[in-house]
PDB file of N, CA and C in Angstrom:
ATOM      1  N   MET A   1     -54.242 -32.724  35.771  1.00  0.00           N
ATOM      2  CA  MET A   1     -53.148 -33.468  36.353  1.00  0.00           C
ATOM      3  C   MET A   1     -51.837 -32.751  36.027  1.00  0.00           C
ATOM      4  N   THR A   2     -50.983 -32.602  37.002  1.00  0.00           N
ATOM      5  CA  THR A   2     -49.710 -31.936  36.758  1.00  0.00           C
ATOM      6  C   THR A   2     -48.651 -32.957  36.407  1.00  0.00           C
ATOM      7  N   THR A   3     -47.762 -32.537  35.547  1.00  0.00           N
ATOM      8  CA  THR A   3     -46.653 -33.416  35.204  1.00  0.00           C
ATOM      9  C   THR A   3     -45.564 -33.289  36.261  1.00  0.00           C
ATOM     10  N   ARG A   4     -44.661 -34.244  36.253  1.00  0.00           N
ATOM     11  CA  ARG A   4     -43.555 -34.218  37.217  1.00  0.00           C
ATOM     12  C   ARG A   4     -42.710 -32.966  37.033  1.00  0.00           C
ATOM     13  N   ALA A   5     -42.443 -32.575  35.784  1.00  0.00           N
ATOM     14  CA  ALA A   5     -41.643 -31.381  35.508  1.00  0.00           C
ATOM     15  C   ALA A   5     -42.337 -30.126  36.017  1.00  0.00           C
ATOM     16  N   ALA A   6     -43.644 -30.057  35.815  1.00  0.00           N
ATOM     17  CA  ALA A   6     -44.382 -28.879  36.283  1.00  0.00           C
ATOM     18  C   ALA A   6     -44.365 -28.810  37.802  1.00  0.00           C
ATOM     19  N   ALA A   7     -44.550 -29.957  38.444  1.00  0.00           N
ATOM     20  CA  ALA A   7     -44.547 -29.971  39.905  1.00  0.00           C
ATOM     21  C   ALA A   7     -43.190 -29.550  40.455  1.00  0.00           C
ATOM     22  N   ALA A   8     -42.111 -29.975  39.801  1.00  0.00           N
ATOM     23  CA  ALA A   8     -40.772 -29.625  40.257  1.00  0.00           C
ATOM     24  C   ALA A   8     -40.531 -28.123  40.145  1.00  0.00           C
ATOM     25  N   GLY A   9     -41.197 -27.468  39.195  1.00  0.00           N
ATOM     26  CA  GLY A   9     -41.004 -26.041  38.988  1.00  0.00           C
ATOM     27  C   GLY A   9     -41.909 -25.162  39.823  1.00  0.00           C
ATOM     28  N   GLU A  10     -42.859 -25.761  40.528  1.00  0.00           N
ATOM     29  CA  GLU A  10     -43.791 -24.979  41.328  1.00  0.00           C
ATOM     30  C   GLU A  10     -43.058 -24.122  42.349  1.00  0.00           C
ATOM     31  N   GLY A  11     -43.352 -22.848  42.327  1.00  0.00           N
ATOM     32  CA  GLY A  11     -42.741 -21.945  43.290  1.00  0.00           C
ATOM     33  C   GLY A  11     -41.295 -21.608  43.004  1.00  0.00           C
ATOM     34  N   ARG A  12     -40.792 -22.066  41.878  1.00  0.00           N
ATOM     35  CA  ARG A  12     -39.380 -21.837  41.548  1.00  0.00           C
ATOM     36  C   ARG A  12     -39.016 -20.365  41.595  1.00  0.00           C
ATOM     37  N   ASN A  13     -39.788 -19.541  40.910  1.00  0.00           N
ATOM     38  CA  ASN A  13     -39.447 -18.119  40.861  1.00  0.00           C
ATOM     39  C   ASN A  13     -39.405 -17.512  42.254  1.00  0.00           C
ATOM     40  N   ALA A  14     -40.407 -17.799  43.055  1.00  0.00           N
ATOM     41  CA  ALA A  14     -40.466 -17.247  44.413  1.00  0.00           C
ATOM     42  C   ALA A  14     -39.269 -17.703  45.245  1.00  0.00           C
ATOM     43  N   ARG A  15     -38.874 -18.976  45.095  1.00  0.00           N
ATOM     44  CA  ARG A  15     -37.715 -19.478  45.842  1.00  0.00           C
ATOM     45  C   ARG A  15     -36.442 -18.772  45.399  1.00  0.00           C
ATOM     46  N   VAL A  16     -36.280 -18.604  44.101  1.00  0.00           N
ATOM     47  CA  VAL A  16     -35.095 -17.914  43.578  1.00  0.00           C
ATOM     48  C   VAL A  16     -35.072 -16.475  44.076  1.00  0.00           C
ATOM     49  N   TRP A  17     -36.191 -15.789  43.973  1.00  0.00           N
ATOM     50  CA  TRP A  17     -36.241 -14.385  44.401  1.00  0.00           C
ATOM     51  C   TRP A  17     -35.943 -14.249  45.884  1.00  0.00           C
ATOM     52  N   ALA A  18     -36.408 -15.207  46.688  1.00  0.00           N
ATOM     53  CA  ALA A  18     -36.139 -15.160  48.131  1.00  0.00           C
ATOM     54  C   ALA A  18     -34.650 -15.314  48.410  1.00  0.00           C
ATOM     55  N   VAL A  19     -33.995 -16.230  47.717  1.00  0.00           N
ATOM     56  CA  VAL A  19     -32.553 -16.419  47.907  1.00  0.00           C
ATOM     57  C   VAL A  19     -31.795 -15.176  47.465  1.00  0.00           C
ATOM     58  N   VAL A  20     -32.112 -14.666  46.287  1.00  0.00           N
ATOM     59  CA  VAL A  20     -31.406 -13.494  45.751  1.00  0.00           C
ATOM     60  C   VAL A  20     -31.612 -12.289  46.661  1.00  0.00           C
ATOM     61  N   SER A  21     -32.762 -12.182  47.275  1.00  0.00           N
ATOM     62  CA  SER A  21     -33.027 -11.067  48.189  1.00  0.00           C
ATOM     63  C   SER A  21     -32.146 -11.113  49.436  1.00  0.00           C
ATOM     64  N   CYS A  22     -31.564 -12.266  49.717  1.00  0.00           N
ATOM     65  CA  CYS A  22     -30.675 -12.407  50.884  1.00  0.00           C
ATOM     66  C   CYS A  22     -29.223 -12.051  50.594  1.00  0.00           C
ATOM     67  N   ILE A  23     -28.869 -11.900  49.327  1.00  0.00           N
ATOM     68  CA  ILE A  23     -27.477 -11.579  48.988  1.00  0.00           C
ATOM     69  C   ILE A  23     -27.200 -10.156  49.452  1.00  0.00           C
ATOM     70  N   PRO A  24     -26.208  -9.977  50.326  1.00  0.00           N
ATOM     71  CA  PRO A  24     -25.952  -8.640  50.862  1.00  0.00           C
ATOM     72  C   PRO A  24     -25.362  -7.678  49.829  1.00  0.00           C
ATOM     73  N   ARG A  25     -25.584  -6.430  50.074  1.00  0.00           N
ATOM     74  CA  ARG A  25     -24.999  -5.360  49.271  1.00  0.00           C
ATOM     75  C   ARG A  25     -23.485  -5.543  49.251  1.00  0.00           C
ATOM     76  N   GLY A  26     -22.884  -5.391  48.077  1.00  0.00           N
ATOM     77  CA  GLY A  26     -21.435  -5.519  47.950  1.00  0.00           C
ATOM     78  C   GLY A  26     -20.949  -6.948  47.791  1.00  0.00           C
ATOM     79  N   ARG A  27     -21.875  -7.881  47.633  1.00  0.00           N
ATOM     80  CA  ARG A  27     -21.544  -9.292  47.437  1.00  0.00           C
ATOM     81  C   ARG A  27     -22.262  -9.810  46.200  1.00  0.00           C
ATOM     82  N   VAL A  28     -21.754 -10.910  45.658  1.00  0.00           N
ATOM     83  CA  VAL A  28     -22.385 -11.551  44.513  1.00  0.00           C
ATOM     84  C   VAL A  28     -22.539 -13.039  44.798  1.00  0.00           C
ATOM     85  N   ALA A  29     -23.425 -13.675  44.057  1.00  0.00           N
ATOM     86  CA  ALA A  29     -23.594 -15.123  44.096  1.00  0.00           C
ATOM     87  C   ALA A  29     -23.669 -15.603  42.658  1.00  0.00           C
ATOM     88  N   THR A  30     -23.305 -16.845  42.449  1.00  0.00           N
ATOM     89  CA  THR A  30     -23.400 -17.409  41.102  1.00  0.00           C
ATOM     90  C   THR A  30     -24.792 -17.999  40.887  1.00  0.00           C
ATOM     91  N   TYR A  31     -25.151 -18.136  39.628  1.00  0.00           N
ATOM     92  CA  TYR A  31     -26.423 -18.767  39.288  1.00  0.00           C
ATOM     93  C   TYR A  31     -26.485 -20.161  39.906  1.00  0.00           C
ATOM     94  N   ARG A  32     -25.381 -20.886  39.859  1.00  0.00           N
ATOM     95  CA  ARG A  32     -25.315 -22.238  40.409  1.00  0.00           C
ATOM     96  C   ARG A  32     -25.569 -22.228  41.919  1.00  0.00           C
ATOM     97  N   GLN A  33     -24.952 -21.285  42.602  1.00  0.00           N
ATOM     98  CA  GLN A  33     -25.119 -21.163  44.053  1.00  0.00           C
ATOM     99  C   GLN A  33     -26.579 -20.865  44.400  1.00  0.00           C
ATOM    100  N   VAL A  34     -27.189 -19.943  43.670  1.00  0.00           N
ATOM    101  CA  VAL A  34     -28.591 -19.600  43.917  1.00  0.00           C
ATOM    102  C   VAL A  34     -29.476 -20.813  43.653  1.00  0.00           C
ATOM    103  N   ALA A  35     -29.199 -21.555  42.585  1.00  0.00           N
ATOM    104  CA  ALA A  35     -29.986 -22.751  42.284  1.00  0.00           C
ATOM    105  C   ALA A  35     -29.914 -23.740  43.442  1.00  0.00           C
ATOM    106  N   GLN A  36     -28.731 -23.964  43.944  1.00  0.00           N
ATOM    107  CA  GLN A  36     -28.556 -24.897  45.057  1.00  0.00           C
ATOM    108  C   GLN A  36     -29.358 -24.441  46.274  1.00  0.00           C
ATOM    109  N   LEU A  37     -29.249 -23.169  46.620  1.00  0.00           N
ATOM    110  CA  LEU A  37     -29.944 -22.652  47.791  1.00  0.00           C
ATOM    111  C   LEU A  37     -31.460 -22.625  47.616  1.00  0.00           C
ATOM    112  N   ALA A  38     -31.909 -22.509  46.363  1.00  0.00           N
ATOM    113  CA  ALA A  38     -33.346 -22.481  46.079  1.00  0.00           C
ATOM    114  C   ALA A  38     -33.928 -23.882  45.902  1.00  0.00           C
ATOM    115  N   GLY A  39     -33.068 -24.898  46.029  1.00  0.00           N
ATOM    116  CA  GLY A  39     -33.544 -26.269  45.906  1.00  0.00           C
ATOM    117  C   GLY A  39     -33.846 -26.693  44.489  1.00  0.00           C
ATOM    118  N   ILE A  40     -33.154 -26.093  43.523  1.00  0.00           N
ATOM    119  CA  ILE A  40     -33.346 -26.454  42.119  1.00  0.00           C
ATOM    120  C   ILE A  40     -32.236 -27.429  41.748  1.00  0.00           C
ATOM    121  N   GLU A  41     -32.610 -28.665  41.532  1.00  0.00           N
ATOM    122  CA  GLU A  41     -31.638 -29.710  41.261  1.00  0.00           C
ATOM    123  C   GLU A  41     -31.436 -29.904  39.769  1.00  0.00           C
ATOM    124  N   GLY A  42     -30.341 -30.549  39.441  1.00  0.00           N
ATOM    125  CA  GLY A  42     -30.082 -30.937  38.065  1.00  0.00           C
ATOM    126  C   GLY A  42     -29.217 -29.954  37.314  1.00  0.00           C
ATOM    127  N   PRO A  43     -28.803 -30.386  36.139  1.00  0.00           N
ATOM    128  CA  PRO A  43     -27.854 -29.589  35.352  1.00  0.00           C
ATOM    129  C   PRO A  43     -28.422 -28.278  34.804  1.00  0.00           C
ATOM    130  N   SER A  44     -29.737 -28.134  34.788  1.00  0.00           N
ATOM    131  CA  SER A  44     -30.328 -26.897  34.260  1.00  0.00           C
ATOM    132  C   SER A  44     -30.643 -25.887  35.365  1.00  0.00           C
ATOM    133  N   GLY A  45     -30.204 -26.144  36.579  1.00  0.00           N
ATOM    134  CA  GLY A  45     -30.526 -25.267  37.705  1.00  0.00           C
ATOM    135  C   GLY A  45     -30.113 -23.827  37.495  1.00  0.00           C
ATOM    136  N   ALA A  46     -28.878 -23.629  37.042  1.00  0.00           N
ATOM    137  CA  ALA A  46     -28.397 -22.260  36.826  1.00  0.00           C
ATOM    138  C   ALA A  46     -29.242 -21.548  35.772  1.00  0.00           C
ATOM    139  N   ARG A  47     -29.588 -22.262  34.719  1.00  0.00           N
ATOM    140  CA  ARG A  47     -30.415 -21.677  33.659  1.00  0.00           C
ATOM    141  C   ARG A  47     -31.797 -21.314  34.197  1.00  0.00           C
ATOM    142  N   GLN A  48     -32.343 -22.162  35.048  1.00  0.00           N
ATOM    143  CA  GLN A  48     -33.651 -21.882  35.632  1.00  0.00           C
ATOM    144  C   GLN A  48     -33.619 -20.634  36.511  1.00  0.00           C
ATOM    145  N   VAL A  49     -32.491 -20.412  37.190  1.00  0.00           N
ATOM    146  CA  VAL A  49     -32.334 -19.175  37.978  1.00  0.00           C
ATOM    147  C   VAL A  49     -32.396 -17.984  37.038  1.00  0.00           C
ATOM    148  N   GLY A  50     -31.724 -18.086  35.906  1.00  0.00           N
ATOM    149  CA  GLY A  50     -31.775 -17.009  34.917  1.00  0.00           C
ATOM    150  C   GLY A  50     -33.188 -16.729  34.446  1.00  0.00           C
ATOM    151  N   TYR A  51     -33.957 -17.787  34.194  1.00  0.00           N
ATOM    152  CA  TYR A  51     -35.351 -17.614  33.777  1.00  0.00           C
ATOM    153  C   TYR A  51     -36.165 -16.915  34.865  1.00  0.00           C
ATOM    154  N   ALA A  52     -35.940 -17.318  36.108  1.00  0.00           N
ATOM    155  CA  ALA A  52     -36.686 -16.710  37.222  1.00  0.00           C
ATOM    156  C   ALA A  52     -36.347 -15.225  37.345  1.00  0.00           C
ATOM    157  N   LEU A  53     -35.076 -14.882  37.193  1.00  0.00           N
ATOM    158  CA  LEU A  53     -34.690 -13.469  37.293  1.00  0.00           C
ATOM    159  C   LEU A  53     -35.224 -12.670  36.111  1.00  0.00           C
ATOM    160  N   ALA A  54     -35.272 -13.287  34.945  1.00  0.00           N
ATOM    161  CA  ALA A  54     -35.820 -12.601  33.765  1.00  0.00           C
ATOM    162  C   ALA A  54     -37.313 -12.330  33.924  1.00  0.00           C
ATOM    163  N   ALA A  55     -37.973 -13.101  34.779  1.00  0.00           N
ATOM    164  CA  ALA A  55     -39.410 -12.937  34.990  1.00  0.00           C
ATOM    165  C   ALA A  55     -39.749 -11.849  36.007  1.00  0.00           C
ATOM    166  N   LEU A  56     -38.746 -11.226  36.608  1.00  0.00           N
ATOM    167  CA  LEU A  56     -39.007 -10.154  37.577  1.00  0.00           C
ATOM    168  C   LEU A  56     -39.717  -8.978  36.907  1.00  0.00           C
ATOM    169  N   ASP A  57     -40.621  -8.365  37.637  1.00  0.00           N
ATOM    170  CA  ASP A  57     -41.280  -7.162  37.147  1.00  0.00           C
ATOM    171  C   ASP A  57     -40.280  -6.013  37.110  1.00  0.00           C
ATOM    172  N   ALA A  58     -40.457  -5.111  36.167  1.00  0.00           N
ATOM    173  CA  ALA A  58     -39.621  -3.906  36.112  1.00  0.00           C
ATOM    174  C   ALA A  58     -39.780  -3.163  37.435  1.00  0.00           C
ATOM    175  N   GLY A  59     -38.688  -2.686  37.964  1.00  0.00           N
ATOM    176  CA  GLY A  59     -38.730  -1.946  39.216  1.00  0.00           C
ATOM    177  C   GLY A  59     -38.753  -2.824  40.456  1.00  0.00           C
ATOM    178  N   SER A  60     -38.572  -4.124  40.278  1.00  0.00           N
ATOM    179  CA  SER A  60     -38.566  -5.041  41.414  1.00  0.00           C
ATOM    180  C   SER A  60     -37.443  -4.686  42.383  1.00  0.00           C
ATOM    181  N   GLU A  61     -37.674  -4.953  43.653  1.00  0.00           N
ATOM    182  CA  GLU A  61     -36.671  -4.705  44.693  1.00  0.00           C
ATOM    183  C   GLU A  61     -35.679  -5.859  44.813  1.00  0.00           C
ATOM    184  N   VAL A  62     -35.918  -6.967  44.126  1.00  0.00           N
ATOM    185  CA  VAL A  62     -35.006  -8.105  44.172  1.00  0.00           C
ATOM    186  C   VAL A  62     -33.690  -7.695  43.501  1.00  0.00           C
ATOM    187  N   PRO A  63     -32.552  -7.843  44.199  1.00  0.00           N
ATOM    188  CA  PRO A  63     -31.272  -7.383  43.652  1.00  0.00           C
ATOM    189  C   PRO A  63     -30.679  -8.353  42.616  1.00  0.00           C
ATOM    190  N   TRP A  64     -31.343  -8.481  41.497  1.00  0.00           N
ATOM    191  CA  TRP A  64     -30.958  -9.391  40.422  1.00  0.00           C
ATOM    192  C   TRP A  64     -29.521  -9.179  39.962  1.00  0.00           C
ATOM    193  N   HIS A  65     -29.048  -7.954  40.093  1.00  0.00           N
ATOM    194  CA  HIS A  65     -27.718  -7.608  39.589  1.00  0.00           C
ATOM    195  C   HIS A  65     -26.597  -8.285  40.374  1.00  0.00           C
ATOM    196  N   ARG A  66     -26.908  -8.857  41.516  1.00  0.00           N
ATOM    197  CA  ARG A  66     -25.894  -9.518  42.352  1.00  0.00           C
ATOM    198  C   ARG A  66     -25.654 -10.969  41.953  1.00  0.00           C
ATOM    199  N   VAL A  67     -26.306 -11.431  40.894  1.00  0.00           N
ATOM    200  CA  VAL A  67     -26.131 -12.804  40.433  1.00  0.00           C
ATOM    201  C   VAL A  67     -25.312 -12.789  39.145  1.00  0.00           C
ATOM    202  N   ILE A  68     -24.192 -13.539  39.185  1.00  0.00           N
ATOM    203  CA  ILE A  68     -23.282 -13.592  38.040  1.00  0.00           C
ATOM    204  C   ILE A  68     -22.966 -15.047  37.714  1.00  0.00           C
ATOM    205  N   ASN A  69     -22.246 -15.257  36.631  1.00  0.00           N
ATOM    206  CA  ASN A  69     -21.941 -16.638  36.270  1.00  0.00           C
ATOM    207  C   ASN A  69     -20.722 -17.162  37.035  1.00  0.00           C
ATOM    208  N   VAL A  70     -20.482 -18.430  36.899  1.00  0.00           N
ATOM    209  CA  VAL A  70     -19.440 -19.109  37.674  1.00  0.00           C
ATOM    210  C   VAL A  70     -18.026 -18.645  37.299  1.00  0.00           C
ATOM    211  N   ARG A  71     -17.875 -17.984  36.159  1.00  0.00           N
ATOM    212  CA  ARG A  71     -16.579 -17.426  35.755  1.00  0.00           C
ATOM    213  C   ARG A  71     -16.345 -16.042  36.350  1.00  0.00           C
ATOM    214  N   GLY A  72     -17.329 -15.543  37.108  1.00  0.00           N
ATOM    215  CA  GLY A  72     -17.209 -14.212  37.695  1.00  0.00           C
ATOM    216  C   GLY A  72     -17.576 -13.109  36.727  1.00  0.00           C
ATOM    217  N   GLU A  73     -18.370 -13.451  35.741  1.00  0.00           N
ATOM    218  CA  GLU A  73     -18.750 -12.484  34.708  1.00  0.00           C
ATOM    219  C   GLU A  73     -20.260 -12.242  34.709  1.00  0.00           C
ATOM    220  N   VAL A  74     -20.633 -11.110  34.192  1.00  0.00           N
ATOM    221  CA  VAL A  74     -22.041 -10.802  33.946  1.00  0.00           C
ATOM    222  C   VAL A  74     -22.427 -11.548  32.671  1.00  0.00           C
ATOM    223  N   SER A  75     -23.512 -12.280  32.726  1.00  0.00           N
ATOM    224  CA  SER A  75     -23.959 -13.043  31.558  1.00  0.00           C
ATOM    225  C   SER A  75     -24.678 -12.139  30.569  1.00  0.00           C
ATOM    226  N   PRO A  76     -24.554 -12.457  29.286  1.00  0.00           N
ATOM    227  CA  PRO A  76     -25.250 -11.662  28.267  1.00  0.00           C
ATOM    228  C   PRO A  76     -26.750 -11.653  28.501  1.00  0.00           C
ATOM    229  N   ARG A  77     -27.388 -10.591  28.122  1.00  0.00           N
ATOM    230  CA  ARG A  77     -28.831 -10.419  28.295  1.00  0.00           C
ATOM    231  C   ARG A  77     -29.519 -10.346  26.934  1.00  0.00           C
ATOM    232  N   ALA A  78     -30.774 -10.675  26.930  1.00  0.00           N
ATOM    233  CA  ALA A  78     -31.561 -10.584  25.697  1.00  0.00           C
ATOM    234  C   ALA A  78     -31.741  -9.129  25.295  1.00  0.00           C
ATOM    235  N   ARG A  79     -31.853  -8.251  26.294  1.00  0.00           N
ATOM    236  CA  ARG A  79     -32.050  -6.832  26.014  1.00  0.00           C
ATOM    237  C   ARG A  79     -30.706  -6.115  26.078  1.00  0.00           C
ATOM    238  N   ALA A  80     -30.328  -5.475  24.998  1.00  0.00           N
ATOM    239  CA  ALA A  80     -29.036  -4.785  24.912  1.00  0.00           C
ATOM    240  C   ALA A  80     -28.893  -3.735  26.011  1.00  0.00           C
ATOM    241  N   GLY A  81     -27.695  -3.631  26.562  1.00  0.00           N
ATOM    242  CA  GLY A  81     -27.403  -2.627  27.569  1.00  0.00           C
ATOM    243  C   GLY A  81     -27.589  -3.082  28.996  1.00  0.00           C
ATOM    244  N   ARG A  82     -28.276  -4.198  29.210  1.00  0.00           N
ATOM    245  CA  ARG A  82     -28.522  -4.677  30.571  1.00  0.00           C
ATOM    246  C   ARG A  82     -27.221  -5.094  31.250  1.00  0.00           C
ATOM    247  N   GLU A  83     -26.251  -5.600  30.469  1.00  0.00           N
ATOM    248  CA  GLU A  83     -24.971  -5.974  31.069  1.00  0.00           C
ATOM    249  C   GLU A  83     -24.317  -4.755  31.699  1.00  0.00           C
ATOM    250  N   ASN A  84     -24.340  -3.636  30.967  1.00  0.00           N
ATOM    251  CA  ASN A  84     -23.744  -2.406  31.494  1.00  0.00           C
ATOM    252  C   ASN A  84     -24.460  -1.953  32.757  1.00  0.00           C
ATOM    253  N   GLU A  85     -25.778  -2.051  32.755  1.00  0.00           N
ATOM    254  CA  GLU A  85     -26.543  -1.671  33.942  1.00  0.00           C
ATOM    255  C   GLU A  85     -26.140  -2.537  35.134  1.00  0.00           C
ATOM    256  N   GLN A  86     -25.932  -3.817  34.894  1.00  0.00           N
ATOM    257  CA  GLN A  86     -25.556  -4.707  35.981  1.00  0.00           C
ATOM    258  C   GLN A  86     -24.178  -4.332  36.544  1.00  0.00           C
ATOM    259  N   TYR A  87     -23.222  -4.087  35.679  1.00  0.00           N
ATOM    260  CA  TYR A  87     -21.896  -3.658  36.137  1.00  0.00           C
ATOM    261  C   TYR A  87     -21.980  -2.345  36.909  1.00  0.00           C
ATOM    262  N   GLU A  88     -22.798  -1.422  36.418  1.00  0.00           N
ATOM    263  CA  GLU A  88     -22.943  -0.122  37.094  1.00  0.00           C
ATOM    264  C   GLU A  88     -23.552  -0.283  38.478  1.00  0.00           C
ATOM    265  N   ARG A  89     -24.577  -1.107  38.587  1.00  0.00           N
ATOM    266  CA  ARG A  89     -25.206  -1.335  39.895  1.00  0.00           C
ATOM    267  C   ARG A  89     -24.219  -1.968  40.870  1.00  0.00           C
ATOM    268  N   LEU A  90     -23.450  -2.928  40.385  1.00  0.00           N
ATOM    269  CA  LEU A  90     -22.457  -3.573  41.243  1.00  0.00           C
ATOM    270  C   LEU A  90     -21.379  -2.584  41.667  1.00  0.00           C
ATOM    271  N   ALA A  91     -20.941  -1.748  40.748  1.00  0.00           N
ATOM    272  CA  ALA A  91     -19.914  -0.744  41.078  1.00  0.00           C
ATOM    273  C   ALA A  91     -20.416   0.207  42.158  1.00  0.00           C
ATOM    274  N   LEU A  92     -21.683   0.577  42.098  1.00  0.00           N
ATOM    275  CA  LEU A  92     -22.256   1.454  43.116  1.00  0.00           C
ATOM    276  C   LEU A  92     -22.237   0.806  44.499  1.00  0.00           C
ATOM    277  N   GLU A  93     -22.189  -0.517  44.530  1.00  0.00           N
ATOM    278  CA  GLU A  93     -22.129  -1.250  45.793  1.00  0.00           C
ATOM    279  C   GLU A  93     -20.692  -1.594  46.197  1.00  0.00           C
ATOM    280  N   GLY A  94     -19.728  -1.133  45.391  1.00  0.00           N
ATOM    281  CA  GLY A  94     -18.329  -1.379  45.721  1.00  0.00           C
ATOM    282  C   GLY A  94     -17.755  -2.656  45.150  1.00  0.00           C
ATOM    283  N   VAL A  95     -18.469  -3.306  44.242  1.00  0.00           N
ATOM    284  CA  VAL A  95     -17.979  -4.526  43.611  1.00  0.00           C
ATOM    285  C   VAL A  95     -17.226  -4.127  42.347  1.00  0.00           C
ATOM    286  N   ASP A  96     -15.930  -4.407  42.340  1.00  0.00           N
ATOM    287  CA  ASP A  96     -15.078  -4.052  41.211  1.00  0.00           C
ATOM    288  C   ASP A  96     -14.904  -5.225  40.257  1.00  0.00           C
ATOM    289  N   CYS A  97     -14.604  -4.894  39.007  1.00  0.00           N
ATOM    290  CA  CYS A  97     -14.261  -5.927  38.039  1.00  0.00           C
ATOM    291  C   CYS A  97     -12.939  -5.550  37.387  1.00  0.00           C
ATOM    292  N   ASP A  98     -12.272  -6.540  36.802  1.00  0.00           N
ATOM    293  CA  ASP A  98     -11.004  -6.269  36.140  1.00  0.00           C
ATOM    294  C   ASP A  98     -11.257  -5.751  34.721  1.00  0.00           C
ATOM    295  N   ALA A  99     -10.201  -5.541  33.973  1.00  0.00           N
ATOM    296  CA  ALA A  99     -10.311  -4.986  32.624  1.00  0.00           C
ATOM    297  C   ALA A  99     -11.086  -5.901  31.679  1.00  0.00           C
ATOM    298  N   ARG A 100     -11.152  -7.186  32.001  1.00  0.00           N
ATOM    299  CA  ARG A 100     -11.887  -8.141  31.171  1.00  0.00           C
ATOM    300  C   ARG A 100     -13.339  -8.301  31.618  1.00  0.00           C
ATOM    301  N   GLY A 101     -13.729  -7.552  32.653  1.00  0.00           N
ATOM    302  CA  GLY A 101     -15.104  -7.614  33.135  1.00  0.00           C
ATOM    303  C   GLY A 101     -15.355  -8.711  34.143  1.00  0.00           C
ATOM    304  N   ARG A 102     -14.300  -9.289  34.677  1.00  0.00           N
ATOM    305  CA  ARG A 102     -14.450 -10.370  35.662  1.00  0.00           C
ATOM    306  C   ARG A 102     -14.440  -9.833  37.088  1.00  0.00           C
ATOM    307  N   ILE A 103     -15.296 -10.424  37.885  1.00  0.00           N
ATOM    308  CA  ILE A 103     -15.403 -10.080  39.303  1.00  0.00           C
ATOM    309  C   ILE A 103     -14.687 -11.164  40.089  1.00  0.00           C
ATOM    310  N   ASP A 104     -13.852 -10.751  41.018  1.00  0.00           N
ATOM    311  CA  ASP A 104     -13.071 -11.686  41.827  1.00  0.00           C
ATOM    312  C   ASP A 104     -13.989 -12.378  42.836  1.00  0.00           C
ATOM    313  N   LEU A 105     -14.330 -13.635  42.543  1.00  0.00           N
ATOM    314  CA  LEU A 105     -15.237 -14.370  43.420  1.00  0.00           C
ATOM    315  C   LEU A 105     -14.613 -14.628  44.789  1.00  0.00           C
ATOM    316  N   ALA A 106     -13.303 -14.785  44.837  1.00  0.00           N
ATOM    317  CA  ALA A 106     -12.641 -14.997  46.128  1.00  0.00           C
ATOM    318  C   ALA A 106     -12.848 -13.791  47.042  1.00  0.00           C
ATOM    319  N   ARG A 107     -13.004 -12.636  46.448  1.00  0.00           N
ATOM    320  CA  ARG A 107     -13.175 -11.404  47.222  1.00  0.00           C
ATOM    321  C   ARG A 107     -14.636 -11.040  47.465  1.00  0.00           C
ATOM    322  N   TYR A 108     -15.483 -11.231  46.461  1.00  0.00           N
ATOM    323  CA  TYR A 108     -16.855 -10.706  46.522  1.00  0.00           C
ATOM    324  C   TYR A 108     -17.960 -11.754  46.661  1.00  0.00           C
ATOM    325  N   GLU A 109     -17.627 -13.039  46.537  1.00  0.00           N
ATOM    326  CA  GLU A 109     -18.695 -14.031  46.595  1.00  0.00           C
ATOM    327  C   GLU A 109     -19.317 -14.091  47.974  1.00  0.00           C
ATOM    328  N   TRP A 110     -20.618 -14.171  47.988  1.00  0.00           N
ATOM    329  CA  TRP A 110     -21.415 -14.214  49.221  1.00  0.00           C
ATOM    330  C   TRP A 110     -21.088 -15.484  50.000  1.00  0.00           C
ATOM    331  N   ASP A 111     -20.737 -15.314  51.247  1.00  0.00           N
ATOM    332  CA  ASP A 111     -20.530 -16.430  52.160  1.00  0.00           C
ATOM    333  C   ASP A 111     -21.835 -16.626  52.911  1.00  0.00           C
ATOM    334  N   TYR A 112     -22.641 -17.529  52.424  1.00  0.00           N
ATOM    335  CA  TYR A 112     -23.980 -17.718  52.971  1.00  0.00           C
ATOM    336  C   TYR A 112     -23.985 -18.660  54.166  1.00  0.00           C
ATOM    337  N   GLY A 113     -22.814 -19.020  54.654  1.00  0.00           N
ATOM    338  CA  GLY A 113     -22.734 -19.862  55.843  1.00  0.00           C
ATOM    339  C   GLY A 113     -23.149 -21.296  55.613  1.00  0.00           C
ATOM    340  N   GLY A 114     -23.080 -21.737  54.340  1.00  0.00           N
ATOM    341  CA  GLY A 114     -23.428 -23.114  54.035  1.00  0.00           C
ATOM    342  C   GLY A 114     -24.900 -23.422  54.212  1.00  0.00           C
ATOM    343  N   ALA A 115     -25.720 -22.360  54.188  1.00  0.00           N
ATOM    344  CA  ALA A 115     -27.165 -22.539  54.393  1.00  0.00           C
ATOM    345  C   ALA A 115     -27.772 -23.428  53.328  1.00  0.00           C
TER     346      ALA A 115
END
């Protein structure tokens, strides 16, 4: 028998990966935005997006680096150096950050058309 929590999480990773795969090159989305689009409800939605992205296989084609926090910053990673990799990947796509490491959401946030 599945619990309600387990049932709510079914397919979560796949839904998150599908949404993140739609974020265009040169754009970013917040964890909260991805949670909403993936149908993850509740206050832990953004955190669940982080868990789903952390579960990606090495070398995955899912553009995980395009997901940032609501402050326009790259969130700390469990593995040292991943933050730098994320900034580098974004820079290669033309996404700039200021001296404090913040990305201008007004300029770079993905306009998903209210999907």
